[in-house]
Amino acid sequence: MRPITERGIFALVCLNLALQVFDGVATYIGVHAGMAEGNPLLGWALAQVGPGFALLLFKLQACACLILLWHVRRNRLAAPALVFSAAVYAVCSLAPWAAALATLHREYWYWMS
């Protein structure tokens, strides 16, 4: 198996950053629509400091970790960590929030018609 190129690592970092942005925006919309946050630590922070500031702090921390992985991109574990992170966010954030927001969108149009 060939090692992943620097361009591939950059693409994985960009994918992970996009997933972080999606997660932050979807969480913000979902929480304001009355949906519950699945992460108990983030749920606690949302209750303590409000959704905007809590999400900003959590997403900045996640993006800092991604930048750290970019800086250690020559380490043999950097690419697997980025692939694992993207897979976890796709399964635990992208899919559930997309389904929840699609339901919210459908309910909105049902009540508007």
N, C-alpha and C. Protein backbone atom coordinates (compact mmCIF):
# COMPACT_ATOMS: atom_id res chain seq x y z
N MET A 1 0.84 -1.19 0.00
CA MET A 1 0.00 0.00 0.00
C MET A 1 0.88 1.25 0.00
N ARG A 2 0.58 2.15 -0.92
CA ARG A 2 1.36 3.38 -1.02
C ARG A 2 0.98 4.36 0.08
N PRO A 3 1.97 5.10 0.58
CA PRO A 3 1.62 6.15 1.55
C PRO A 3 0.83 7.26 0.86
N ILE A 4 -0.03 7.89 1.60
CA ILE A 4 -0.86 8.95 1.03
C ILE A 4 0.00 10.20 0.79
N THR A 5 -0.28 10.90 -0.28
CA THR A 5 0.50 12.09 -0.64
C THR A 5 0.08 13.28 0.22
N GLU A 6 0.90 14.30 0.16
CA GLU A 6 0.58 15.52 0.90
C GLU A 6 -0.72 16.14 0.40
N ARG A 7 -0.96 16.02 -0.90
CA ARG A 7 -2.21 16.52 -1.48
C ARG A 7 -3.40 15.74 -0.92
N GLY A 8 -3.25 14.45 -0.74
CA GLY A 8 -4.30 13.62 -0.15
C GLY A 8 -4.58 14.00 1.30
N ILE A 9 -3.51 14.26 2.05
CA ILE A 9 -3.67 14.70 3.44
C ILE A 9 -4.41 16.03 3.48
N PHE A 10 -4.03 16.93 2.57
CA PHE A 10 -4.69 18.24 2.51
C PHE A 10 -6.19 18.07 2.21
N ALA A 11 -6.51 17.17 1.30
CA ALA A 11 -7.92 16.92 0.97
C ALA A 11 -8.66 16.36 2.19
N LEU A 12 -8.02 15.48 2.95
CA LEU A 12 -8.66 14.94 4.16
C LEU A 12 -8.86 16.03 5.22
N VAL A 13 -7.89 16.91 5.35
CA VAL A 13 -8.04 18.02 6.30
C VAL A 13 -9.20 18.92 5.87
N CYS A 14 -9.28 19.24 4.58
CA CYS A 14 -10.38 20.07 4.07
C CYS A 14 -11.73 19.39 4.26
N LEU A 15 -11.79 18.09 4.01
CA LEU A 15 -13.03 17.35 4.23
C LEU A 15 -13.44 17.42 5.69
N ASN A 16 -12.49 17.21 6.60
CA ASN A 16 -12.79 17.28 8.02
C ASN A 16 -13.21 18.68 8.44
N LEU A 17 -12.58 19.70 7.89
CA LEU A 17 -13.00 21.08 8.21
C LEU A 17 -14.42 21.33 7.72
N ALA A 18 -14.75 20.85 6.54
CA ALA A 18 -16.12 21.01 6.02
C ALA A 18 -17.12 20.28 6.91
N LEU A 19 -16.76 19.10 7.39
CA LEU A 19 -17.64 18.36 8.29
C LEU A 19 -17.82 19.11 9.61
N GLN A 20 -16.77 19.77 10.09
CA GLN A 20 -16.89 20.57 11.32
C GLN A 20 -17.84 21.75 11.12
N VAL A 21 -17.71 22.42 9.98
CA VAL A 21 -18.61 23.55 9.68
C VAL A 21 -20.05 23.05 9.59
N PHE A 22 -20.26 21.95 8.86
CA PHE A 22 -21.61 21.40 8.76
C PHE A 22 -22.15 21.06 10.14
N ASP A 23 -21.35 20.39 10.96
CA ASP A 23 -21.81 19.99 12.29
C ASP A 23 -22.17 21.21 13.13
N GLY A 24 -21.35 22.24 13.09
CA GLY A 24 -21.63 23.44 13.87
C GLY A 24 -22.91 24.13 13.43
N VAL A 25 -23.07 24.30 12.13
CA VAL A 25 -24.27 24.97 11.61
C VAL A 25 -25.51 24.12 11.86
N ALA A 26 -25.42 22.82 11.60
CA ALA A 26 -26.57 21.93 11.81
C ALA A 26 -26.96 21.87 13.28
N THR A 27 -25.96 21.81 14.15
CA THR A 27 -26.26 21.79 15.59
C THR A 27 -26.94 23.09 16.01
N TYR A 28 -26.43 24.21 15.54
CA TYR A 28 -27.02 25.50 15.89
C TYR A 28 -28.48 25.57 15.44
N ILE A 29 -28.74 25.17 14.19
CA ILE A 29 -30.11 25.20 13.67
C ILE A 29 -30.99 24.22 14.45
N GLY A 30 -30.47 23.02 14.66
CA GLY A 30 -31.24 22.00 15.36
C GLY A 30 -31.57 22.38 16.79
N VAL A 31 -30.60 22.93 17.51
CA VAL A 31 -30.84 23.34 18.89
C VAL A 31 -31.86 24.47 18.94
N HIS A 32 -31.76 25.42 18.03
CA HIS A 32 -32.74 26.51 18.00
C HIS A 32 -34.13 26.03 17.60
N ALA A 33 -34.21 24.90 16.91
CA ALA A 33 -35.51 24.34 16.53
C ALA A 33 -36.06 23.43 17.63
N GLY A 34 -35.32 23.29 18.73
CA GLY A 34 -35.81 22.49 19.85
C GLY A 34 -35.32 21.05 19.88
N MET A 35 -34.40 20.70 19.00
CA MET A 35 -33.86 19.34 19.00
C MET A 35 -32.77 19.23 20.06
N ALA A 36 -32.56 18.01 20.53
CA ALA A 36 -31.57 17.77 21.56
C ALA A 36 -30.21 17.47 20.94
N GLU A 37 -29.16 17.88 21.62
CA GLU A 37 -27.79 17.57 21.21
C GLU A 37 -27.42 16.19 21.75
N GLY A 38 -26.83 15.35 20.90
CA GLY A 38 -26.49 13.99 21.29
C GLY A 38 -25.23 13.88 22.13
N ASN A 39 -24.34 14.86 22.05
CA ASN A 39 -23.10 14.84 22.82
C ASN A 39 -23.38 15.45 24.20
N PRO A 40 -23.28 14.65 25.27
CA PRO A 40 -23.61 15.19 26.59
C PRO A 40 -22.71 16.33 27.05
N LEU A 41 -21.44 16.29 26.69
CA LEU A 41 -20.54 17.37 27.09
C LEU A 41 -20.91 18.67 26.37
N LEU A 42 -21.19 18.58 25.08
CA LEU A 42 -21.63 19.76 24.34
C LEU A 42 -23.00 20.22 24.83
N GLY A 43 -23.88 19.27 25.14
CA GLY A 43 -25.18 19.62 25.69
C GLY A 43 -25.07 20.43 26.97
N TRP A 44 -24.14 20.02 27.83
CA TRP A 44 -23.91 20.75 29.08
C TRP A 44 -23.39 22.16 28.77
N ALA A 45 -22.43 22.26 27.84
CA ALA A 45 -21.87 23.57 27.49
C ALA A 45 -22.94 24.46 26.86
N LEU A 46 -23.82 23.88 26.05
CA LEU A 46 -24.91 24.67 25.45
C LEU A 46 -25.77 25.29 26.53
N ALA A 47 -26.06 24.52 27.58
CA ALA A 47 -26.89 25.02 28.68
C ALA A 47 -26.16 26.07 29.51
N GLN A 48 -24.84 25.95 29.63
CA GLN A 48 -24.08 26.87 30.48
C GLN A 48 -23.79 28.21 29.83
N VAL A 49 -23.36 28.19 28.56
CA VAL A 49 -22.90 29.45 27.93
C VAL A 49 -23.69 29.83 26.69
N GLY A 50 -24.67 29.02 26.30
CA GLY A 50 -25.46 29.32 25.12
C GLY A 50 -24.91 28.63 23.89
N PRO A 51 -25.77 28.45 22.89
CA PRO A 51 -25.35 27.67 21.72
C PRO A 51 -24.25 28.31 20.89
N GLY A 52 -24.32 29.59 20.68
CA GLY A 52 -23.33 30.24 19.82
C GLY A 52 -21.92 30.11 20.37
N PHE A 53 -21.73 30.49 21.62
CA PHE A 53 -20.40 30.48 22.22
C PHE A 53 -19.91 29.05 22.43
N ALA A 54 -20.79 28.16 22.88
CA ALA A 54 -20.40 26.76 23.10
C ALA A 54 -19.95 26.11 21.79
N LEU A 55 -20.71 26.31 20.74
CA LEU A 55 -20.34 25.73 19.44
C LEU A 55 -19.05 26.34 18.91
N LEU A 56 -18.88 27.63 19.09
CA LEU A 56 -17.65 28.28 18.66
C LEU A 56 -16.45 27.66 19.36
N LEU A 57 -16.53 27.48 20.68
CA LEU A 57 -15.42 26.89 21.42
C LEU A 57 -15.15 25.46 20.99
N PHE A 58 -16.18 24.65 20.85
CA PHE A 58 -16.00 23.25 20.49
C PHE A 58 -15.45 23.11 19.08
N LYS A 59 -15.96 23.90 18.16
CA LYS A 59 -15.50 23.80 16.77
C LYS A 59 -14.09 24.37 16.60
N LEU A 60 -13.75 25.41 17.34
CA LEU A 60 -12.37 25.92 17.31
C LEU A 60 -11.40 24.86 17.81
N GLN A 61 -11.78 24.16 18.87
CA GLN A 61 -10.93 23.09 19.40
C GLN A 61 -10.77 21.97 18.38
N ALA A 62 -11.84 21.59 17.73
CA ALA A 62 -11.77 20.53 16.72
C ALA A 62 -10.91 20.95 15.53
N CYS A 63 -11.07 22.19 15.10
CA CYS A 63 -10.27 22.69 13.97
C CYS A 63 -8.79 22.81 14.37
N ALA A 64 -8.52 23.17 15.62
CA ALA A 64 -7.13 23.21 16.08
C ALA A 64 -6.51 21.82 16.03
N CYS A 65 -7.27 20.80 16.39
CA CYS A 65 -6.77 19.43 16.29
C CYS A 65 -6.49 19.05 14.84
N LEU A 66 -7.34 19.48 13.93
CA LEU A 66 -7.11 19.19 12.51
C LEU A 66 -5.86 19.91 12.00
N ILE A 67 -5.64 21.12 12.44
CA ILE A 67 -4.43 21.85 12.05
C ILE A 67 -3.20 21.17 12.63
N LEU A 68 -3.31 20.66 13.84
CA LEU A 68 -2.21 19.90 14.43
C LEU A 68 -1.90 18.67 13.58
N LEU A 69 -2.94 17.97 13.14
CA LEU A 69 -2.72 16.81 12.27
C LEU A 69 -2.07 17.22 10.95
N TRP A 70 -2.41 18.39 10.45
CA TRP A 70 -1.76 18.86 9.23
C TRP A 70 -0.26 19.08 9.48
N HIS A 71 0.07 19.63 10.64
CA HIS A 71 1.47 19.90 10.94
C HIS A 71 2.28 18.61 11.14
N VAL A 72 1.64 17.54 11.55
CA VAL A 72 2.35 16.26 11.73
C VAL A 72 1.99 15.30 10.60
N ARG A 73 1.68 15.85 9.43
CA ARG A 73 1.19 15.05 8.31
C ARG A 73 2.17 13.99 7.83
N ARG A 74 3.43 14.13 8.13
CA ARG A 74 4.41 13.12 7.71
C ARG A 74 4.44 11.92 8.66
N ASN A 75 3.79 12.04 9.78
CA ASN A 75 3.68 10.91 10.70
C ASN A 75 2.78 9.86 10.08
N ARG A 76 3.12 8.60 10.26
CA ARG A 76 2.35 7.53 9.63
C ARG A 76 0.93 7.40 10.16
N LEU A 77 0.64 8.00 11.30
CA LEU A 77 -0.71 7.90 11.88
C LEU A 77 -1.61 9.09 11.51
N ALA A 78 -1.06 10.11 10.85
CA ALA A 78 -1.86 11.30 10.53
C ALA A 78 -2.99 10.98 9.57
N ALA A 79 -2.69 10.29 8.48
CA ALA A 79 -3.74 9.98 7.49
C ALA A 79 -4.82 9.06 8.08
N PRO A 80 -4.46 7.98 8.78
CA PRO A 80 -5.52 7.16 9.38
C PRO A 80 -6.37 7.94 10.38
N ALA A 81 -5.75 8.86 11.13
CA ALA A 81 -6.52 9.66 12.09
C ALA A 81 -7.53 10.55 11.37
N LEU A 82 -7.11 11.13 10.25
CA LEU A 82 -8.01 11.99 9.48
C LEU A 82 -9.14 11.19 8.83
N VAL A 83 -8.82 10.01 8.32
CA VAL A 83 -9.86 9.15 7.74
C VAL A 83 -10.84 8.72 8.82
N PHE A 84 -10.33 8.33 9.98
CA PHE A 84 -11.19 7.92 11.08
C PHE A 84 -12.09 9.06 11.55
N SER A 85 -11.51 10.25 11.67
CA SER A 85 -12.28 11.42 12.09
C SER A 85 -13.41 11.73 11.10
N ALA A 86 -13.10 11.69 9.81
CA ALA A 86 -14.13 11.95 8.80
C ALA A 86 -15.22 10.89 8.85
N ALA A 87 -14.84 9.64 9.03
CA ALA A 87 -15.84 8.57 9.09
C ALA A 87 -16.74 8.73 10.31
N VAL A 88 -16.15 9.05 11.45
CA VAL A 88 -16.95 9.24 12.67
C VAL A 88 -17.92 10.41 12.51
N TYR A 89 -17.43 11.52 11.96
CA TYR A 89 -18.32 12.67 11.78
C TYR A 89 -19.40 12.40 10.73
N ALA A 90 -19.07 11.63 9.71
CA ALA A 90 -20.09 11.29 8.70
C ALA A 90 -21.19 10.44 9.31
N VAL A 91 -20.81 9.49 10.16
CA VAL A 91 -21.79 8.57 10.75
C VAL A 91 -22.51 9.20 11.94
N CYS A 92 -21.78 9.91 12.79
CA CYS A 92 -22.36 10.41 14.05
C CYS A 92 -22.87 11.85 13.97
N SER A 93 -22.58 12.56 12.89
CA SER A 93 -23.05 13.94 12.77
C SER A 93 -23.78 14.18 11.46
N LEU A 94 -23.10 13.94 10.36
CA LEU A 94 -23.68 14.24 9.05
C LEU A 94 -24.99 13.50 8.83
N ALA A 95 -24.99 12.20 9.00
CA ALA A 95 -26.20 11.41 8.74
C ALA A 95 -27.33 11.77 9.71
N PRO A 96 -27.10 11.79 11.03
CA PRO A 96 -28.23 12.12 11.93
C PRO A 96 -28.76 13.53 11.75
N TRP A 97 -27.86 14.52 11.61
CA TRP A 97 -28.34 15.89 11.45
C TRP A 97 -29.02 16.10 10.12
N ALA A 98 -28.53 15.46 9.07
CA ALA A 98 -29.19 15.59 7.76
C ALA A 98 -30.60 15.02 7.83
N ALA A 99 -30.75 13.87 8.48
CA ALA A 99 -32.09 13.28 8.63
C ALA A 99 -32.99 14.16 9.50
N ALA A 100 -32.45 14.67 10.60
CA ALA A 100 -33.25 15.50 11.50
C ALA A 100 -33.66 16.80 10.83
N LEU A 101 -32.74 17.42 10.13
CA LEU A 101 -33.07 18.69 9.47
C LEU A 101 -34.00 18.48 8.28
N ALA A 102 -33.90 17.34 7.60
CA ALA A 102 -34.83 17.05 6.52
C ALA A 102 -36.25 16.88 7.08
N THR A 103 -36.35 16.24 8.23
CA THR A 103 -37.65 16.09 8.90
C THR A 103 -38.19 17.45 9.30
N LEU A 104 -37.34 18.28 9.86
CA LEU A 104 -37.74 19.63 10.26
C LEU A 104 -38.21 20.42 9.04
N HIS A 105 -37.50 20.29 7.94
CA HIS A 105 -37.86 21.00 6.70
C HIS A 105 -39.22 20.50 6.19
N ARG A 106 -39.43 19.18 6.23
CA ARG A 106 -40.70 18.61 5.76
C ARG A 106 -41.86 19.08 6.64
N GLU A 107 -41.65 19.09 7.96
CA GLU A 107 -42.70 19.57 8.87
C GLU A 107 -43.00 21.04 8.64
N TYR A 108 -41.99 21.83 8.38
CA TYR A 108 -42.19 23.26 8.13
C TYR A 108 -43.08 23.45 6.91
N TRP A 109 -42.79 22.76 5.83
CA TRP A 109 -43.59 22.92 4.62
C TRP A 109 -44.98 22.31 4.77
N TYR A 110 -45.11 21.31 5.61
CA TYR A 110 -46.43 20.73 5.87
C TYR A 110 -47.33 21.76 6.54
N TRP A 111 -46.78 22.46 7.53
CA TRP A 111 -47.58 23.44 8.27
C TRP A 111 -47.78 24.73 7.48
N MET A 112 -46.91 25.00 6.53
CA MET A 112 -47.05 26.22 5.73
C MET A 112 -48.07 26.07 4.62
N SER A 113 -48.40 24.83 4.25
CA SER A 113 -49.34 24.65 3.13
C SER A 113 -50.77 24.53 3.60
